[in-house]
Protein backbone atom coordinates (compact mmCIF):
# COMPACT_ATOMS: atom_id res chain seq x y z
CA UNK A 1 17.09 -87.90 124.92
CA UNK A 2 14.50 -89.26 127.38
CA UNK A 3 12.99 -92.62 126.65
CA UNK A 4 10.05 -94.50 128.00
CA UNK A 5 6.35 -93.85 128.11
CA UNK A 6 5.16 -91.01 130.33
CA UNK A 7 1.42 -90.83 131.07
CA UNK A 8 -0.90 -88.73 133.17
CA UNK A 9 -4.26 -90.42 133.82
CA UNK A 10 -5.99 -87.84 135.99
CA UNK A 11 -9.41 -86.50 135.07
CA UNK A 12 -10.75 -82.98 135.21
CA UNK A 13 -13.62 -83.99 137.47
CA UNK A 14 -11.37 -85.63 140.05
CA UNK A 15 -9.07 -82.59 140.08
CA UNK A 16 -12.04 -80.19 140.31
CA UNK A 17 -13.26 -81.99 143.45
CA UNK A 18 -9.74 -81.95 144.93
CA UNK A 19 -9.27 -78.27 144.11
CA UNK A 20 -12.64 -77.33 145.63
CA UNK A 21 -12.12 -79.06 148.97
CA UNK A 22 -8.47 -77.99 149.34
CA UNK A 23 -9.38 -74.38 148.50
CA UNK A 24 -12.22 -74.37 151.03
CA UNK A 25 -9.90 -75.77 153.73
CA UNK A 26 -7.26 -73.16 152.92
CA UNK A 27 -9.74 -70.26 153.12
CA UNK A 28 -11.42 -71.50 156.32
CA UNK A 29 -8.03 -72.06 158.04
CA UNK A 30 -6.55 -68.78 156.72
CA UNK A 31 -4.02 -70.92 154.80
CA UNK A 32 -2.66 -72.60 157.94
CA UNK A 33 -3.59 -75.95 156.32
CA UNK A 34 -1.82 -75.01 153.07
CA UNK A 35 1.00 -77.57 153.58
CA UNK A 36 -1.50 -80.40 154.09
CA UNK A 37 -3.69 -79.39 151.13
CA UNK A 38 -0.63 -79.04 148.90
CA UNK A 39 0.50 -82.50 149.98
CA UNK A 40 -2.93 -83.89 149.04
CA UNK A 41 -2.60 -82.30 145.58
CA UNK A 42 0.90 -83.74 145.14
CA UNK A 43 -0.41 -87.18 146.11
CA UNK A 44 -3.16 -86.89 143.48
CA UNK A 45 -0.66 -85.83 140.81
CA UNK A 46 1.69 -88.72 141.64
CA UNK A 47 -1.07 -91.34 141.81
CA UNK A 48 -2.21 -90.33 138.32
CA UNK A 49 1.30 -90.26 136.81
CA UNK A 50 2.85 -93.34 135.21
CA UNK A 51 6.30 -93.89 133.73
CA UNK A 52 6.57 -97.02 131.60
CA UNK A 53 3.26 -98.12 133.11
CA UNK A 54 4.67 -97.81 136.66
CA UNK A 55 2.62 -95.67 139.00
CA UNK A 56 4.27 -92.95 141.06
CA UNK A 57 3.46 -92.24 144.68
CA UNK A 58 4.14 -89.21 146.86
CA UNK A 59 5.21 -90.00 150.43
CA UNK A 60 5.70 -86.50 151.78
CA UNK A 61 3.63 -85.40 154.78
CA UNK A 62 1.91 -82.18 155.65
CA UNK A 63 4.17 -81.80 158.68
CA UNK A 64 7.30 -82.25 156.57
CA UNK A 65 6.02 -79.66 154.12
CA UNK A 66 5.06 -77.35 157.02
CA UNK A 67 8.63 -77.29 158.39
CA UNK A 68 10.08 -76.31 155.00
CA UNK A 69 7.26 -73.87 154.28
CA UNK A 70 7.67 -72.11 157.63
CA UNK A 71 11.45 -71.81 157.22
CA UNK A 72 11.06 -70.43 153.69
CA UNK A 73 8.40 -67.97 154.84
CA UNK A 74 10.53 -66.69 157.73
CA UNK A 75 13.70 -66.37 155.62
CA UNK A 76 11.77 -64.65 152.82
CA UNK A 77 10.34 -62.08 155.24
CA UNK A 78 13.71 -61.48 156.95
CA UNK A 79 15.49 -61.01 153.59
CA UNK A 80 12.66 -58.89 152.16
CA UNK A 81 11.91 -61.51 149.52
CA UNK A 82 15.46 -62.16 148.37
CA UNK A 83 15.28 -65.77 149.63
CA UNK A 84 12.21 -66.61 147.49
CA UNK A 85 14.13 -68.20 144.54
CA UNK A 86 16.16 -70.37 146.92
CA UNK A 87 13.01 -71.21 148.86
CA UNK A 88 11.26 -72.27 145.67
CA UNK A 89 14.17 -74.59 144.81
CA UNK A 90 14.23 -75.97 148.35
CA UNK A 91 10.52 -76.77 148.17
CA UNK A 92 10.81 -78.39 144.71
CA UNK A 93 13.73 -80.48 146.00
CA UNK A 94 11.62 -81.65 148.96
CA UNK A 95 8.72 -82.53 146.64
CA UNK A 96 10.95 -84.54 144.28
CA UNK A 97 12.76 -86.31 147.14
CA UNK A 98 9.37 -87.63 148.31
CA UNK A 99 8.35 -88.98 144.91
CA UNK A 100 8.77 -92.73 144.35
CA UNK A 101 7.61 -95.50 142.08
CA UNK A 102 4.68 -97.06 143.94
CA UNK A 103 6.45 -100.45 143.86
CA UNK A 104 9.66 -99.06 145.38
CA UNK A 105 7.79 -97.28 148.15
CA UNK A 106 5.93 -100.52 148.93
CA UNK A 107 9.22 -102.46 149.13
CA UNK A 108 10.65 -99.97 151.62
CA UNK A 109 7.56 -100.42 153.79
CA UNK A 110 7.75 -104.22 153.44
CA UNK A 111 4.64 -104.50 151.25
CA UNK A 112 4.98 -106.98 148.36
CA UNK A 113 4.61 -105.87 144.75
CA UNK A 114 1.06 -105.69 143.44
CA UNK A 115 0.33 -108.51 141.02
CA UNK A 116 -0.74 -106.08 138.29
CA UNK A 117 2.73 -104.55 138.09
CA UNK A 118 4.93 -107.63 138.58
CA UNK A 119 5.63 -110.44 136.16
CA UNK A 120 5.91 -112.89 139.05
CA UNK A 121 5.11 -112.84 142.75
CA UNK A 122 8.61 -113.94 143.70
CA UNK A 123 11.51 -111.46 143.99
CA UNK A 124 14.50 -113.26 142.52
CA UNK A 125 18.05 -112.38 143.60
CA UNK A 126 20.16 -110.59 141.00
CA UNK A 127 23.16 -112.30 139.44
CA UNK A 128 26.40 -110.79 140.76
CA UNK A 129 29.72 -110.22 139.05
CA UNK A 130 32.75 -108.41 140.47
CA UNK A 131 31.62 -104.79 139.82
CA UNK A 132 28.11 -105.21 138.48
CA UNK A 133 24.75 -106.89 138.87
CA UNK A 134 22.54 -108.19 136.10
CA UNK A 135 18.80 -107.76 136.61
CA UNK A 136 16.89 -111.04 136.66
CA UNK A 137 13.82 -109.39 135.10
CA UNK A 138 15.29 -107.53 132.11
CA UNK A 139 18.99 -108.55 132.10
CA UNK A 140 20.30 -104.98 132.28
CA UNK A 141 23.79 -104.43 133.71
CA UNK A 142 23.76 -102.35 136.92
CA UNK A 143 26.39 -101.08 139.33
CA UNK A 144 26.93 -103.45 142.26
CA UNK A 145 25.69 -100.85 144.77
CA UNK A 146 22.38 -100.13 142.96
CA UNK A 147 19.29 -100.98 144.96
CA UNK A 148 17.02 -100.97 141.89
CA UNK A 149 17.55 -101.79 138.22
CA UNK A 150 18.29 -98.72 136.10
CA UNK A 151 16.18 -100.10 133.24
CA UNK A 152 13.06 -101.66 134.78
CA UNK A 153 13.13 -100.60 138.45
CA UNK A 154 13.20 -104.13 139.87
CA UNK A 155 14.75 -104.39 143.32
CA UNK A 156 18.32 -105.70 143.13
CA UNK A 157 19.21 -108.22 145.85
């Protein structure tokens, strides 16, 4: 059973504006800009989604989406549509692989945690045992090769 608090904080007005400008771009470009507009929508969804009060972020790019989209389109045409279910799964996999907690994405880019989401400004090293690490923020036991705590998402060092 899932646990934690899942929230979506987007508003209808902000989505309406996003939908209008992405639709106009798609029509004007004859859907050539579809990968970039879809990426913008995914970024909006992620930025308005919170899990246990931690914001998500989408780091995929229009060019990355374009490569997958083009491959799926070509394979779907060649196979007369048979590839569509596999293409859908491939695209969903790409979307999920580019979804991060905002804090984790910032760490990978070398940006410190935002003060609003951290209990302290200092990243403390985790306590090590032979096969496990204990998180210094919540005390949860983690595997020694985990990069982030399985309970609170704090970076394990």
